[in-house]
Amino acid sequence: MLEIWQLDKELWFPPPHLALEEPNGLLAFGGDLSAERLLLAYQQGIFPWFNEGEPPLWWSPAPRMVLYPTEIKISRSLNKRLKRKEFELSFDHCFAQVIEECAISRQATTGTWITPAMQNAYTQLHQQGYAHSVEVWQNKQLVGGLYGLALGGMFFGESMFSKVSDASKVALVKLTQHLEKQGFSLIDCQVYSDHLASLGAKEISRELFLQTLAKATRAEVNFL
């Protein structure tokens, strides 16, 4: 019989290697979305992902999709667009708007796990200096962006959105360039997607991910 761990008010998580193989990575349910619990989860390679009306579901998939900042793939067409400098970039300028746009974008396609409760939780992490956003502007309008968490030298990517072609790709490229400059080791992309693979992300084992995570989160680097 498959076992899923149930969390309570106590701040703890079962070891990631106890996650289910099917559905891949499901580890536990319950608990809350407090800043303390979320930070503990990310430090252990665990993240929340659930639909509205469900209890929080906690995941640690294997393999893990990651992107090394130095391995970003920039297509010829995207490189030409970057050189035209038609976009302006900013960091942490309007976090709440970025996460809301990500939720709207997901809702319009496959549905969203970025519920109001999730938005509130990550906005609180932003106010505490852990969650960050990248904004892409065109003619002074917000046309793309992404958000995630930074712990030590690890950036945990959560979601991105694009209102014009390539805007989210531009956000990711600029993020990787910024993270490399700041001394970050890795971007956690969580699970495989063709889109991320086309940009240079790849799958690694859970063991390697957790080893890299433990080392990266001890690094004394800053996002900004």
N, C-alpha and C. Protein backbone atom coordinates (compact mmCIF):
# COMPACT_ATOMS: atom_id res chain seq x y z
N MET A 1 0.84 -1.20 0.00
CA MET A 1 0.00 0.00 0.00
C MET A 1 0.88 1.25 0.00
N LEU A 2 0.55 2.21 -0.84
CA LEU A 2 1.34 3.44 -0.92
C LEU A 2 1.10 4.29 0.32
N GLU A 3 2.19 4.87 0.83
CA GLU A 3 2.08 5.68 2.04
C GLU A 3 2.47 7.11 1.74
N ILE A 4 1.59 8.03 2.11
CA ILE A 4 1.87 9.45 2.01
C ILE A 4 1.87 10.00 3.42
N TRP A 5 2.90 10.69 3.77
CA TRP A 5 3.04 11.20 5.12
C TRP A 5 2.10 12.38 5.34
N GLN A 6 1.49 12.41 6.52
CA GLN A 6 0.60 13.52 6.87
C GLN A 6 1.32 14.45 7.84
N LEU A 7 1.33 15.74 7.49
CA LEU A 7 1.98 16.73 8.33
C LEU A 7 0.99 17.33 9.31
N ASP A 8 1.52 17.84 10.40
CA ASP A 8 0.68 18.49 11.41
C ASP A 8 1.23 19.87 11.70
N LYS A 9 0.97 20.39 12.86
CA LYS A 9 1.42 21.75 13.20
C LYS A 9 2.93 21.81 13.43
N GLU A 10 3.52 20.67 13.76
CA GLU A 10 4.97 20.64 13.99
C GLU A 10 5.70 20.85 12.67
N LEU A 11 6.82 21.60 12.72
CA LEU A 11 7.59 21.87 11.51
C LEU A 11 8.56 20.72 11.26
N TRP A 12 8.21 19.87 10.30
CA TRP A 12 9.07 18.75 9.94
C TRP A 12 8.64 18.21 8.58
N PHE A 13 9.53 17.47 7.93
CA PHE A 13 9.22 16.76 6.69
C PHE A 13 9.91 15.40 6.72
N PRO A 14 9.28 14.40 6.14
CA PRO A 14 9.97 13.11 6.00
C PRO A 14 11.11 13.25 5.00
N PRO A 15 12.09 12.36 5.03
CA PRO A 15 13.20 12.43 4.09
C PRO A 15 12.71 12.34 2.64
N PRO A 16 13.30 13.14 1.73
CA PRO A 16 12.85 13.16 0.33
C PRO A 16 12.89 11.80 -0.36
N HIS A 17 13.81 10.93 0.05
CA HIS A 17 13.91 9.64 -0.65
C HIS A 17 12.70 8.74 -0.39
N LEU A 18 11.85 9.13 0.53
CA LEU A 18 10.63 8.35 0.80
C LEU A 18 9.47 8.77 -0.10
N ALA A 19 9.70 9.71 -1.00
CA ALA A 19 8.64 10.14 -1.92
C ALA A 19 8.22 9.02 -2.84
N LEU A 20 6.97 9.07 -3.27
CA LEU A 20 6.44 8.04 -4.16
C LEU A 20 7.07 8.12 -5.55
N GLU A 21 7.09 6.97 -6.21
CA GLU A 21 7.49 6.95 -7.62
C GLU A 21 6.33 7.32 -8.52
N GLU A 22 5.10 7.06 -8.07
CA GLU A 22 3.90 7.39 -8.85
C GLU A 22 2.79 7.78 -7.91
N PRO A 23 2.30 9.03 -7.94
CA PRO A 23 2.83 10.10 -8.79
C PRO A 23 4.23 10.51 -8.35
N ASN A 24 5.05 10.79 -9.34
CA ASN A 24 6.47 11.00 -9.11
C ASN A 24 6.75 12.14 -8.14
N GLY A 25 7.30 11.76 -6.99
CA GLY A 25 7.76 12.77 -6.05
C GLY A 25 6.81 13.15 -4.94
N LEU A 26 5.58 12.65 -4.94
CA LEU A 26 4.64 13.02 -3.89
C LEU A 26 5.13 12.45 -2.57
N LEU A 27 5.31 13.33 -1.60
CA LEU A 27 5.93 12.94 -0.33
C LEU A 27 4.99 13.05 0.86
N ALA A 28 4.23 14.15 0.92
CA ALA A 28 3.42 14.40 2.11
C ALA A 28 2.26 15.32 1.78
N PHE A 29 1.31 15.40 2.71
CA PHE A 29 0.21 16.35 2.57
C PHE A 29 -0.08 16.97 3.92
N GLY A 30 -0.73 18.13 3.88
CA GLY A 30 -1.12 18.79 5.12
C GLY A 30 -0.13 19.87 5.52
N GLY A 31 -0.19 20.26 6.77
CA GLY A 31 0.64 21.36 7.23
C GLY A 31 0.07 22.69 6.77
N ASP A 32 0.93 23.67 6.64
CA ASP A 32 0.48 25.00 6.25
C ASP A 32 1.49 25.60 5.29
N LEU A 33 1.25 26.87 4.92
CA LEU A 33 2.14 27.57 4.01
C LEU A 33 2.86 28.71 4.72
N SER A 34 3.19 28.51 5.97
CA SER A 34 3.93 29.53 6.72
C SER A 34 5.32 29.69 6.11
N ALA A 35 5.89 30.86 6.31
CA ALA A 35 7.23 31.11 5.79
C ALA A 35 8.23 30.11 6.35
N GLU A 36 8.09 29.78 7.62
CA GLU A 36 9.02 28.85 8.26
C GLU A 36 8.95 27.47 7.62
N ARG A 37 7.73 27.00 7.34
CA ARG A 37 7.59 25.67 6.74
C ARG A 37 8.09 25.67 5.30
N LEU A 38 7.78 26.71 4.55
CA LEU A 38 8.23 26.79 3.17
C LEU A 38 9.76 26.81 3.08
N LEU A 39 10.40 27.59 3.93
CA LEU A 39 11.86 27.64 3.91
C LEU A 39 12.46 26.29 4.29
N LEU A 40 11.88 25.64 5.27
CA LEU A 40 12.36 24.31 5.66
C LEU A 40 12.21 23.33 4.51
N ALA A 41 11.08 23.42 3.81
CA ALA A 41 10.85 22.53 2.67
C ALA A 41 11.91 22.72 1.59
N TYR A 42 12.12 23.95 1.16
CA TYR A 42 13.07 24.21 0.09
C TYR A 42 14.49 23.82 0.49
N GLN A 43 14.84 24.01 1.74
CA GLN A 43 16.16 23.62 2.21
C GLN A 43 16.39 22.11 2.10
N GLN A 44 15.28 21.34 2.06
CA GLN A 44 15.37 19.89 1.96
C GLN A 44 15.02 19.38 0.56
N GLY A 45 14.88 20.29 -0.41
CA GLY A 45 14.56 19.87 -1.76
C GLY A 45 13.11 19.50 -1.97
N ILE A 46 12.22 20.09 -1.19
CA ILE A 46 10.79 19.79 -1.23
C ILE A 46 10.04 21.08 -1.57
N PHE A 47 8.96 20.96 -2.34
CA PHE A 47 8.18 22.15 -2.69
C PHE A 47 6.69 21.82 -2.70
N PRO A 48 5.83 22.83 -2.48
CA PRO A 48 4.38 22.60 -2.51
C PRO A 48 3.82 22.74 -3.92
N TRP A 49 2.81 21.92 -4.22
CA TRP A 49 2.17 22.00 -5.53
C TRP A 49 0.82 21.31 -5.39
N PHE A 50 -0.26 22.09 -5.44
CA PHE A 50 -1.59 21.53 -5.24
C PHE A 50 -2.62 22.48 -5.80
N ASN A 51 -3.82 21.96 -6.02
CA ASN A 51 -4.90 22.75 -6.57
C ASN A 51 -5.74 23.38 -5.46
N GLU A 52 -6.43 24.43 -5.80
CA GLU A 52 -7.29 25.09 -4.82
C GLU A 52 -8.34 24.12 -4.31
N GLY A 53 -8.58 24.14 -3.01
CA GLY A 53 -9.53 23.23 -2.40
C GLY A 53 -8.89 21.97 -1.86
N GLU A 54 -7.62 21.72 -2.21
CA GLU A 54 -6.88 20.57 -1.71
C GLU A 54 -6.02 20.99 -0.52
N PRO A 55 -5.65 20.03 0.34
CA PRO A 55 -4.64 20.35 1.36
C PRO A 55 -3.30 20.53 0.66
N PRO A 56 -2.35 21.22 1.27
CA PRO A 56 -1.03 21.34 0.65
C PRO A 56 -0.43 19.97 0.36
N LEU A 57 0.07 19.80 -0.85
CA LEU A 57 0.78 18.59 -1.24
C LEU A 57 2.25 18.95 -1.41
N TRP A 58 3.13 18.09 -0.91
CA TRP A 58 4.57 18.38 -0.90
C TRP A 58 5.31 17.36 -1.74
N TRP A 59 6.24 17.82 -2.58
CA TRP A 59 6.85 16.99 -3.61
C TRP A 59 8.37 17.07 -3.59
N SER A 60 8.98 15.96 -4.00
CA SER A 60 10.42 15.91 -4.25
C SER A 60 10.66 14.89 -5.36
N PRO A 61 10.46 15.31 -6.62
CA PRO A 61 10.52 14.37 -7.74
C PRO A 61 11.94 13.87 -8.05
N ALA A 62 11.99 12.73 -8.68
CA ALA A 62 13.25 12.16 -9.15
C ALA A 62 13.02 11.56 -10.54
N PRO A 63 13.80 11.96 -11.55
CA PRO A 63 14.90 12.92 -11.45
C PRO A 63 14.39 14.35 -11.25
N ARG A 64 15.36 15.26 -11.10
CA ARG A 64 15.04 16.67 -10.85
C ARG A 64 15.51 17.49 -12.05
N MET A 65 14.66 18.41 -12.50
CA MET A 65 15.01 19.28 -13.62
C MET A 65 15.75 20.50 -13.07
N VAL A 66 16.93 20.75 -13.61
CA VAL A 66 17.74 21.87 -13.13
C VAL A 66 18.37 22.58 -14.31
N LEU A 67 18.83 23.80 -14.05
CA LEU A 67 19.55 24.57 -15.05
C LEU A 67 20.78 25.19 -14.39
N TYR A 68 21.96 24.81 -14.89
CA TYR A 68 23.18 25.45 -14.44
C TYR A 68 23.29 26.79 -15.17
N PRO A 69 23.51 27.89 -14.44
CA PRO A 69 23.51 29.21 -15.08
C PRO A 69 24.44 29.32 -16.29
N THR A 70 25.55 28.60 -16.25
CA THR A 70 26.51 28.67 -17.36
C THR A 70 26.07 27.87 -18.58
N GLU A 71 25.00 27.08 -18.44
CA GLU A 71 24.58 26.20 -19.53
C GLU A 71 23.32 26.67 -20.24
N ILE A 72 22.92 27.91 -20.02
CA ILE A 72 21.74 28.44 -20.70
C ILE A 72 21.96 28.41 -22.22
N LYS A 73 20.97 27.96 -22.94
CA LYS A 73 21.04 27.91 -24.41
C LYS A 73 20.25 29.07 -24.99
N ILE A 74 20.92 29.89 -25.76
CA ILE A 74 20.27 31.05 -26.38
C ILE A 74 20.24 30.81 -27.89
N SER A 75 19.05 30.65 -28.44
CA SER A 75 18.93 30.41 -29.88
C SER A 75 19.37 31.62 -30.67
N ARG A 76 19.65 31.41 -31.94
CA ARG A 76 20.09 32.52 -32.79
C ARG A 76 19.03 33.61 -32.85
N SER A 77 17.77 33.21 -32.97
CA SER A 77 16.70 34.21 -33.07
C SER A 77 16.55 34.98 -31.76
N LEU A 78 16.66 34.28 -30.63
CA LEU A 78 16.55 34.95 -29.34
C LEU A 78 17.75 35.88 -29.12
N ASN A 79 18.92 35.45 -29.54
CA ASN A 79 20.11 36.29 -29.40
C ASN A 79 19.97 37.58 -30.20
N LYS A 80 19.40 37.47 -31.40
CA LYS A 80 19.18 38.67 -32.21
C LYS A 80 18.21 39.62 -31.51
N ARG A 81 17.20 39.04 -30.89
CA ARG A 81 16.21 39.87 -30.21
C ARG A 81 16.82 40.56 -29.00
N LEU A 82 17.68 39.86 -28.28
CA LEU A 82 18.35 40.45 -27.13
C LEU A 82 19.24 41.62 -27.56
N LYS A 83 19.89 41.45 -28.69
CA LYS A 83 20.79 42.50 -29.17
C LYS A 83 20.02 43.74 -29.62
N ARG A 84 18.75 43.57 -29.99
CA ARG A 84 17.96 44.74 -30.40
C ARG A 84 17.57 45.61 -29.21
N LYS A 85 17.71 45.04 -28.01
CA LYS A 85 17.43 45.78 -26.77
C LYS A 85 16.04 46.40 -26.76
N GLU A 86 15.06 45.61 -27.19
CA GLU A 86 13.69 46.11 -27.17
C GLU A 86 13.01 45.93 -25.82
N PHE A 87 13.68 45.20 -24.91
CA PHE A 87 13.12 44.99 -23.58
C PHE A 87 13.98 45.67 -22.53
N GLU A 88 13.34 46.06 -21.44
CA GLU A 88 14.05 46.53 -20.26
C GLU A 88 13.81 45.54 -19.13
N LEU A 89 14.80 45.35 -18.28
CA LEU A 89 14.72 44.37 -17.21
C LEU A 89 14.82 45.04 -15.85
N SER A 90 14.15 44.45 -14.87
CA SER A 90 14.27 44.89 -13.49
C SER A 90 14.13 43.69 -12.57
N PHE A 91 14.59 43.85 -11.34
CA PHE A 91 14.49 42.81 -10.32
C PHE A 91 13.72 43.36 -9.12
N ASP A 92 12.78 42.56 -8.63
CA ASP A 92 12.03 42.89 -7.42
C ASP A 92 11.32 44.25 -7.48
N HIS A 93 10.95 44.66 -8.67
CA HIS A 93 10.26 45.94 -8.82
C HIS A 93 8.77 45.83 -8.50
N CYS A 94 8.15 44.73 -8.89
CA CYS A 94 6.71 44.55 -8.63
C CYS A 94 6.41 43.06 -8.47
N PHE A 95 6.91 42.49 -7.39
CA PHE A 95 6.78 41.05 -7.14
C PHE A 95 5.33 40.59 -7.16
N ALA A 96 4.47 41.30 -6.44
CA ALA A 96 3.07 40.88 -6.34
C ALA A 96 2.40 40.83 -7.71
N GLN A 97 2.74 41.77 -8.58
CA GLN A 97 2.15 41.79 -9.91
C GLN A 97 2.66 40.63 -10.75
N VAL A 98 3.94 40.30 -10.60
CA VAL A 98 4.51 39.18 -11.36
C VAL A 98 3.85 37.86 -10.97
N ILE A 99 3.71 37.60 -9.68
CA ILE A 99 3.11 36.34 -9.26
C ILE A 99 1.64 36.27 -9.66
N GLU A 100 0.96 37.41 -9.64
CA GLU A 100 -0.43 37.43 -10.09
C GLU A 100 -0.53 37.14 -11.58
N GLU A 101 0.37 37.71 -12.37
CA GLU A 101 0.38 37.46 -13.81
C GLU A 101 0.70 36.00 -14.11
N CYS A 102 1.58 35.40 -13.33
CA CYS A 102 1.88 33.98 -13.50
C CYS A 102 0.64 33.13 -13.24
N ALA A 103 -0.11 33.50 -12.20
CA ALA A 103 -1.34 32.77 -11.88
C ALA A 103 -2.36 32.90 -12.99
N ILE A 104 -2.53 34.10 -13.51
CA ILE A 104 -3.48 34.34 -14.60
C ILE A 104 -3.09 33.56 -15.84
N SER A 105 -1.79 33.56 -16.15
CA SER A 105 -1.29 32.85 -17.33
C SER A 105 -1.54 31.35 -17.22
N ARG A 106 -1.29 30.79 -16.04
CA ARG A 106 -1.52 29.35 -15.84
C ARG A 106 -3.00 29.01 -15.88
N GLN A 107 -3.81 29.87 -15.28
CA GLN A 107 -5.25 29.62 -15.24
C GLN A 107 -5.84 29.57 -16.65
N ALA A 108 -5.28 30.35 -17.55
CA ALA A 108 -5.80 30.42 -18.92
C ALA A 108 -5.41 29.21 -19.75
N THR A 109 -4.45 28.41 -19.26
CA THR A 109 -4.00 27.26 -20.04
C THR A 109 -4.37 25.95 -19.34
N THR A 110 -3.55 25.55 -18.37
CA THR A 110 -3.74 24.25 -17.73
C THR A 110 -4.34 24.34 -16.34
N GLY A 111 -4.71 25.54 -15.91
CA GLY A 111 -5.15 25.71 -14.54
C GLY A 111 -3.95 26.07 -13.67
N THR A 112 -4.20 26.61 -12.50
CA THR A 112 -3.08 27.12 -11.71
C THR A 112 -3.07 26.55 -10.30
N TRP A 113 -1.87 26.32 -9.79
CA TRP A 113 -1.67 26.00 -8.38
C TRP A 113 -1.32 27.27 -7.60
N ILE A 114 -1.18 28.41 -8.32
CA ILE A 114 -0.79 29.66 -7.67
C ILE A 114 -2.06 30.32 -7.13
N THR A 115 -2.61 29.71 -6.11
CA THR A 115 -3.85 30.17 -5.49
C THR A 115 -3.59 31.45 -4.70
N PRO A 116 -4.65 32.13 -4.27
CA PRO A 116 -4.45 33.31 -3.42
C PRO A 116 -3.61 33.00 -2.18
N ALA A 117 -3.81 31.81 -1.59
CA ALA A 117 -3.00 31.44 -0.42
C ALA A 117 -1.53 31.32 -0.78
N MET A 118 -1.23 30.74 -1.94
CA MET A 118 0.15 30.63 -2.39
C MET A 118 0.73 32.01 -2.68
N GLN A 119 -0.06 32.87 -3.32
CA GLN A 119 0.42 34.22 -3.60
C GLN A 119 0.76 34.96 -2.31
N ASN A 120 -0.10 34.83 -1.32
CA ASN A 120 0.15 35.49 -0.04
C ASN A 120 1.41 34.95 0.62
N ALA A 121 1.59 33.63 0.56
CA ALA A 121 2.74 32.99 1.20
C ALA A 121 4.05 33.45 0.57
N TYR A 122 4.10 33.49 -0.76
CA TYR A 122 5.35 33.86 -1.42
C TYR A 122 5.59 35.37 -1.37
N THR A 123 4.52 36.14 -1.29
CA THR A 123 4.68 37.58 -1.09
C THR A 123 5.30 37.85 0.28
N GLN A 124 4.90 37.06 1.27
CA GLN A 124 5.50 37.19 2.60
C GLN A 124 6.99 36.83 2.54
N LEU A 125 7.33 35.78 1.79
CA LEU A 125 8.74 35.42 1.64
C LEU A 125 9.51 36.52 0.90
N HIS A 126 8.85 37.18 -0.03
CA HIS A 126 9.49 38.31 -0.72
C HIS A 126 9.77 39.44 0.26
N GLN A 127 8.82 39.72 1.12
CA GLN A 127 8.99 40.78 2.10
C GLN A 127 10.12 40.46 3.09
N GLN A 128 10.37 39.18 3.28
CA GLN A 128 11.45 38.75 4.17
C GLN A 128 12.79 38.64 3.45
N GLY A 129 12.80 38.88 2.13
CA GLY A 129 14.04 38.87 1.38
C GLY A 129 14.42 37.56 0.74
N TYR A 130 13.51 36.57 0.74
CA TYR A 130 13.83 35.26 0.16
C TYR A 130 13.30 35.10 -1.27
N ALA A 131 12.11 35.56 -1.53
CA ALA A 131 11.50 35.41 -2.86
C ALA A 131 11.80 36.63 -3.71
N HIS A 132 12.05 36.40 -5.00
CA HIS A 132 12.45 37.48 -5.90
C HIS A 132 11.73 37.36 -7.23
N SER A 133 11.66 38.48 -7.92
CA SER A 133 11.02 38.50 -9.24
C SER A 133 11.93 39.15 -10.26
N VAL A 134 11.75 38.72 -11.50
CA VAL A 134 12.40 39.35 -12.64
C VAL A 134 11.29 39.91 -13.52
N GLU A 135 11.37 41.19 -13.87
CA GLU A 135 10.35 41.82 -14.69
C GLU A 135 10.91 42.19 -16.06
N VAL A 136 10.10 41.96 -17.09
CA VAL A 136 10.47 42.32 -18.45
C VAL A 136 9.49 43.39 -18.93
N TRP A 137 10.03 44.52 -19.36
CA TRP A 137 9.20 45.66 -19.75
C TRP A 137 9.39 45.98 -21.23
N GLN A 138 8.30 46.38 -21.86
CA GLN A 138 8.35 46.84 -23.25
C GLN A 138 7.43 48.06 -23.35
N ASN A 139 8.00 49.17 -23.75
CA ASN A 139 7.24 50.43 -23.81
C ASN A 139 6.57 50.74 -22.48
N LYS A 140 7.32 50.48 -21.40
CA LYS A 140 6.90 50.76 -20.03
C LYS A 140 5.73 49.89 -19.57
N GLN A 141 5.46 48.80 -20.30
CA GLN A 141 4.42 47.85 -19.91
C GLN A 141 5.06 46.54 -19.49
N LEU A 142 4.54 45.94 -18.42
CA LEU A 142 5.04 44.65 -17.97
C LEU A 142 4.57 43.56 -18.92
N VAL A 143 5.49 42.93 -19.64
CA VAL A 143 5.11 41.95 -20.66
C VAL A 143 5.62 40.55 -20.37
N GLY A 144 6.37 40.38 -19.31
CA GLY A 144 6.87 39.06 -18.97
C GLY A 144 7.61 39.09 -17.66
N GLY A 145 7.90 37.89 -17.14
CA GLY A 145 8.65 37.82 -15.90
C GLY A 145 8.62 36.44 -15.28
N LEU A 146 9.26 36.32 -14.15
CA LEU A 146 9.29 35.07 -13.40
C LEU A 146 9.54 35.38 -11.94
N TYR A 147 9.32 34.37 -11.10
CA TYR A 147 9.62 34.54 -9.68
C TYR A 147 10.12 33.22 -9.10
N GLY A 148 10.78 33.32 -7.97
CA GLY A 148 11.30 32.14 -7.29
C GLY A 148 11.96 32.54 -5.98
N LEU A 149 12.63 31.57 -5.37
CA LEU A 149 13.28 31.79 -4.08
C LEU A 149 14.79 31.66 -4.23
N ALA A 150 15.52 32.45 -3.45
CA ALA A 150 16.97 32.35 -3.40
C ALA A 150 17.38 32.00 -1.98
N LEU A 151 18.08 30.86 -1.86
CA LEU A 151 18.64 30.44 -0.57
C LEU A 151 20.11 30.14 -0.79
N GLY A 152 20.98 30.94 -0.19
CA GLY A 152 22.40 30.77 -0.46
C GLY A 152 22.67 30.92 -1.94
N GLY A 153 23.35 29.94 -2.52
CA GLY A 153 23.65 29.98 -3.94
C GLY A 153 22.72 29.15 -4.79
N MET A 154 21.51 28.89 -4.32
CA MET A 154 20.51 28.13 -5.07
C MET A 154 19.30 29.01 -5.35
N PHE A 155 18.84 29.01 -6.61
CA PHE A 155 17.61 29.72 -6.94
C PHE A 155 16.57 28.69 -7.32
N PHE A 156 15.42 28.76 -6.67
CA PHE A 156 14.32 27.82 -6.91
C PHE A 156 13.29 28.51 -7.80
N GLY A 157 13.28 28.19 -9.08
CA GLY A 157 12.33 28.80 -9.99
C GLY A 157 10.93 28.27 -9.76
N GLU A 158 9.96 29.16 -9.71
CA GLU A 158 8.58 28.74 -9.46
C GLU A 158 7.69 28.84 -10.70
N SER A 159 7.63 29.98 -11.33
CA SER A 159 6.76 30.13 -12.49
C SER A 159 7.19 31.34 -13.30
N MET A 160 6.75 31.38 -14.56
CA MET A 160 7.04 32.52 -15.42
C MET A 160 5.82 32.81 -16.28
N PHE A 161 5.79 34.00 -16.87
CA PHE A 161 4.69 34.34 -17.76
C PHE A 161 5.22 35.20 -18.90
N SER A 162 4.45 35.27 -19.96
CA SER A 162 4.85 36.06 -21.13
C SER A 162 3.61 36.57 -21.82
N LYS A 163 3.58 37.87 -22.08
CA LYS A 163 2.48 38.48 -22.82
C LYS A 163 2.86 38.77 -24.26
N VAL A 164 4.13 38.76 -24.56
CA VAL A 164 4.62 38.91 -25.92
C VAL A 164 5.66 37.83 -26.17
N SER A 165 5.89 37.52 -27.40
CA SER A 165 6.81 36.44 -27.77
C SER A 165 8.19 36.65 -27.15
N ASP A 166 8.71 35.59 -26.55
CA ASP A 166 10.07 35.53 -26.00
C ASP A 166 10.27 36.28 -24.70
N ALA A 167 9.26 36.92 -24.15
CA ALA A 167 9.46 37.73 -22.95
C ALA A 167 9.90 36.88 -21.76
N SER A 168 9.30 35.70 -21.58
CA SER A 168 9.71 34.86 -20.46
C SER A 168 11.10 34.29 -20.68
N LYS A 169 11.46 34.01 -21.94
CA LYS A 169 12.81 33.54 -22.25
C LYS A 169 13.84 34.61 -21.92
N VAL A 170 13.52 35.84 -22.25
CA VAL A 170 14.41 36.96 -21.93
C VAL A 170 14.59 37.05 -20.42
N ALA A 171 13.52 36.87 -19.66
CA ALA A 171 13.60 36.91 -18.20
C ALA A 171 14.54 35.83 -17.69
N LEU A 172 14.42 34.63 -18.24
CA LEU A 172 15.26 33.52 -17.78
C LEU A 172 16.73 33.74 -18.16
N VAL A 173 16.96 34.20 -19.37
CA VAL A 173 18.34 34.47 -19.80
C VAL A 173 18.98 35.51 -18.89
N LYS A 174 18.29 36.60 -18.66
CA LYS A 174 18.83 37.66 -17.82
C LYS A 174 19.02 37.18 -16.38
N LEU A 175 18.12 36.31 -15.91
CA LEU A 175 18.27 35.76 -14.57
C LEU A 175 19.54 34.92 -14.48
N THR A 176 19.76 34.02 -15.45
CA THR A 176 20.94 33.17 -15.40
C THR A 176 22.22 34.00 -15.45
N GLN A 177 22.24 35.01 -16.27
CA GLN A 177 23.42 35.87 -16.36
C GLN A 177 23.67 36.59 -15.03
N HIS A 178 22.58 37.03 -14.41
CA HIS A 178 22.70 37.71 -13.11
C HIS A 178 23.16 36.73 -12.04
N LEU A 179 22.59 35.52 -12.01
CA LEU A 179 22.96 34.55 -10.99
C LEU A 179 24.41 34.11 -11.13
N GLU A 180 24.86 33.92 -12.36
CA GLU A 180 26.26 33.55 -12.58
C GLU A 180 27.19 34.64 -12.03
N LYS A 181 26.84 35.87 -12.28
CA LYS A 181 27.64 36.99 -11.80
C LYS A 181 27.67 37.04 -10.27
N GLN A 182 26.56 36.69 -9.65
CA GLN A 182 26.46 36.74 -8.18
C GLN A 182 27.07 35.52 -7.51
N GLY A 183 27.38 34.48 -8.29
CA GLY A 183 28.00 33.29 -7.72
C GLY A 183 27.05 32.16 -7.37
N PHE A 184 25.86 32.13 -7.97
CA PHE A 184 24.91 31.05 -7.74
C PHE A 184 25.34 29.78 -8.49
N SER A 185 25.02 28.64 -7.91
CA SER A 185 25.42 27.36 -8.48
C SER A 185 24.39 26.75 -9.41
N LEU A 186 23.11 26.92 -9.08
CA LEU A 186 22.09 26.13 -9.75
C LEU A 186 20.72 26.79 -9.68
N ILE A 187 19.90 26.53 -10.70
CA ILE A 187 18.50 26.91 -10.70
C ILE A 187 17.67 25.63 -10.67
N ASP A 188 16.82 25.50 -9.68
CA ASP A 188 15.91 24.36 -9.59
C ASP A 188 14.70 24.62 -10.47
N CYS A 189 14.46 23.76 -11.45
CA CYS A 189 13.30 23.89 -12.34
C CYS A 189 12.23 22.86 -12.01
N GLN A 190 12.46 22.04 -11.01
CA GLN A 190 11.50 21.07 -10.46
C GLN A 190 11.25 19.89 -11.38
N VAL A 191 10.44 20.04 -12.43
CA VAL A 191 10.08 18.89 -13.27
C VAL A 191 10.33 19.20 -14.74
N TYR A 192 10.46 18.14 -15.52
CA TYR A 192 10.81 18.28 -16.94
C TYR A 192 9.73 19.00 -17.75
N SER A 193 10.20 19.83 -18.68
CA SER A 193 9.33 20.38 -19.72
C SER A 193 10.19 20.58 -20.96
N ASP A 194 9.59 20.41 -22.13
CA ASP A 194 10.32 20.62 -23.38
C ASP A 194 10.84 22.05 -23.47
N HIS A 195 10.04 22.99 -22.99
CA HIS A 195 10.42 24.40 -23.05
C HIS A 195 11.71 24.65 -22.28
N LEU A 196 11.78 24.12 -21.06
CA LEU A 196 12.98 24.31 -20.25
C LEU A 196 14.17 23.57 -20.84
N ALA A 197 13.92 22.37 -21.37
CA ALA A 197 15.01 21.60 -21.99
C ALA A 197 15.61 22.34 -23.17
N SER A 198 14.76 23.02 -23.94
CA SER A 198 15.25 23.78 -25.09
C SER A 198 16.14 24.94 -24.68
N LEU A 199 16.03 25.36 -23.43
CA LEU A 199 16.82 26.47 -22.92
C LEU A 199 18.05 26.01 -22.14
N GLY A 200 18.28 24.70 -22.13
CA GLY A 200 19.49 24.18 -21.50
C GLY A 200 19.30 23.44 -20.20
N ALA A 201 18.09 23.38 -19.69
CA ALA A 201 17.84 22.65 -18.44
C ALA A 201 17.95 21.15 -18.70
N LYS A 202 18.28 20.40 -17.67
CA LYS A 202 18.42 18.96 -17.81
C LYS A 202 18.03 18.26 -16.51
N GLU A 203 17.83 16.97 -16.58
CA GLU A 203 17.46 16.19 -15.41
C GLU A 203 18.70 15.60 -14.75
N ILE A 204 18.72 15.65 -13.42
CA ILE A 204 19.76 14.99 -12.65
C ILE A 204 19.10 14.14 -11.57
N SER A 205 19.85 13.24 -10.96
CA SER A 205 19.29 12.37 -9.94
C SER A 205 18.93 13.17 -8.69
N ARG A 206 18.02 12.63 -7.91
CA ARG A 206 17.66 13.28 -6.65
C ARG A 206 18.89 13.38 -5.74
N GLU A 207 19.71 12.32 -5.74
CA GLU A 207 20.89 12.31 -4.88
C GLU A 207 21.84 13.46 -5.23
N LEU A 208 22.12 13.63 -6.52
CA LEU A 208 23.01 14.71 -6.94
C LEU A 208 22.38 16.06 -6.63
N PHE A 209 21.09 16.18 -6.85
CA PHE A 209 20.41 17.45 -6.56
C PHE A 209 20.54 17.80 -5.09
N LEU A 210 20.29 16.84 -4.21
CA LEU A 210 20.34 17.11 -2.77
C LEU A 210 21.76 17.43 -2.32
N GLN A 211 22.75 16.76 -2.91
CA GLN A 211 24.14 17.06 -2.58
C GLN A 211 24.49 18.50 -2.99
N THR A 212 24.08 18.87 -4.21
CA THR A 212 24.34 20.22 -4.70
C THR A 212 23.59 21.25 -3.87
N LEU A 213 22.36 20.92 -3.51
CA LEU A 213 21.54 21.81 -2.69
C LEU A 213 22.19 22.09 -1.35
N ALA A 214 22.66 21.04 -0.68
CA ALA A 214 23.27 21.20 0.64
C ALA A 214 24.48 22.12 0.58
N LYS A 215 25.29 21.96 -0.46
CA LYS A 215 26.48 22.80 -0.61
C LYS A 215 26.10 24.23 -0.99
N ALA A 216 25.15 24.36 -1.94
CA ALA A 216 24.78 25.69 -2.45
C ALA A 216 24.13 26.55 -1.38
N THR A 217 23.28 25.97 -0.55
CA THR A 217 22.57 26.78 0.44
C THR A 217 23.50 27.28 1.55
N ARG A 218 24.69 26.72 1.63
CA ARG A 218 25.67 27.21 2.62
C ARG A 218 26.52 28.35 2.07
N ALA A 219 26.42 28.59 0.76
CA ALA A 219 27.23 29.63 0.13
C ALA A 219 26.78 31.03 0.59
N GLU A 220 27.72 31.89 0.81
CA GLU A 220 27.42 33.26 1.25
C GLU A 220 27.38 34.17 0.02
N VAL A 221 26.27 34.12 -0.67
CA VAL A 221 26.06 34.99 -1.83
C VAL A 221 24.73 35.69 -1.68
N ASN A 222 24.55 36.78 -2.39
CA ASN A 222 23.32 37.55 -2.32
C ASN A 222 22.65 37.61 -3.69
N PHE A 223 21.33 37.65 -3.69
CA PHE A 223 20.62 37.77 -4.95
C PHE A 223 20.85 39.14 -5.58
N LEU A 224 20.80 40.18 -4.77
CA LEU A 224 21.03 41.55 -5.27
C LEU A 224 22.23 42.18 -4.55
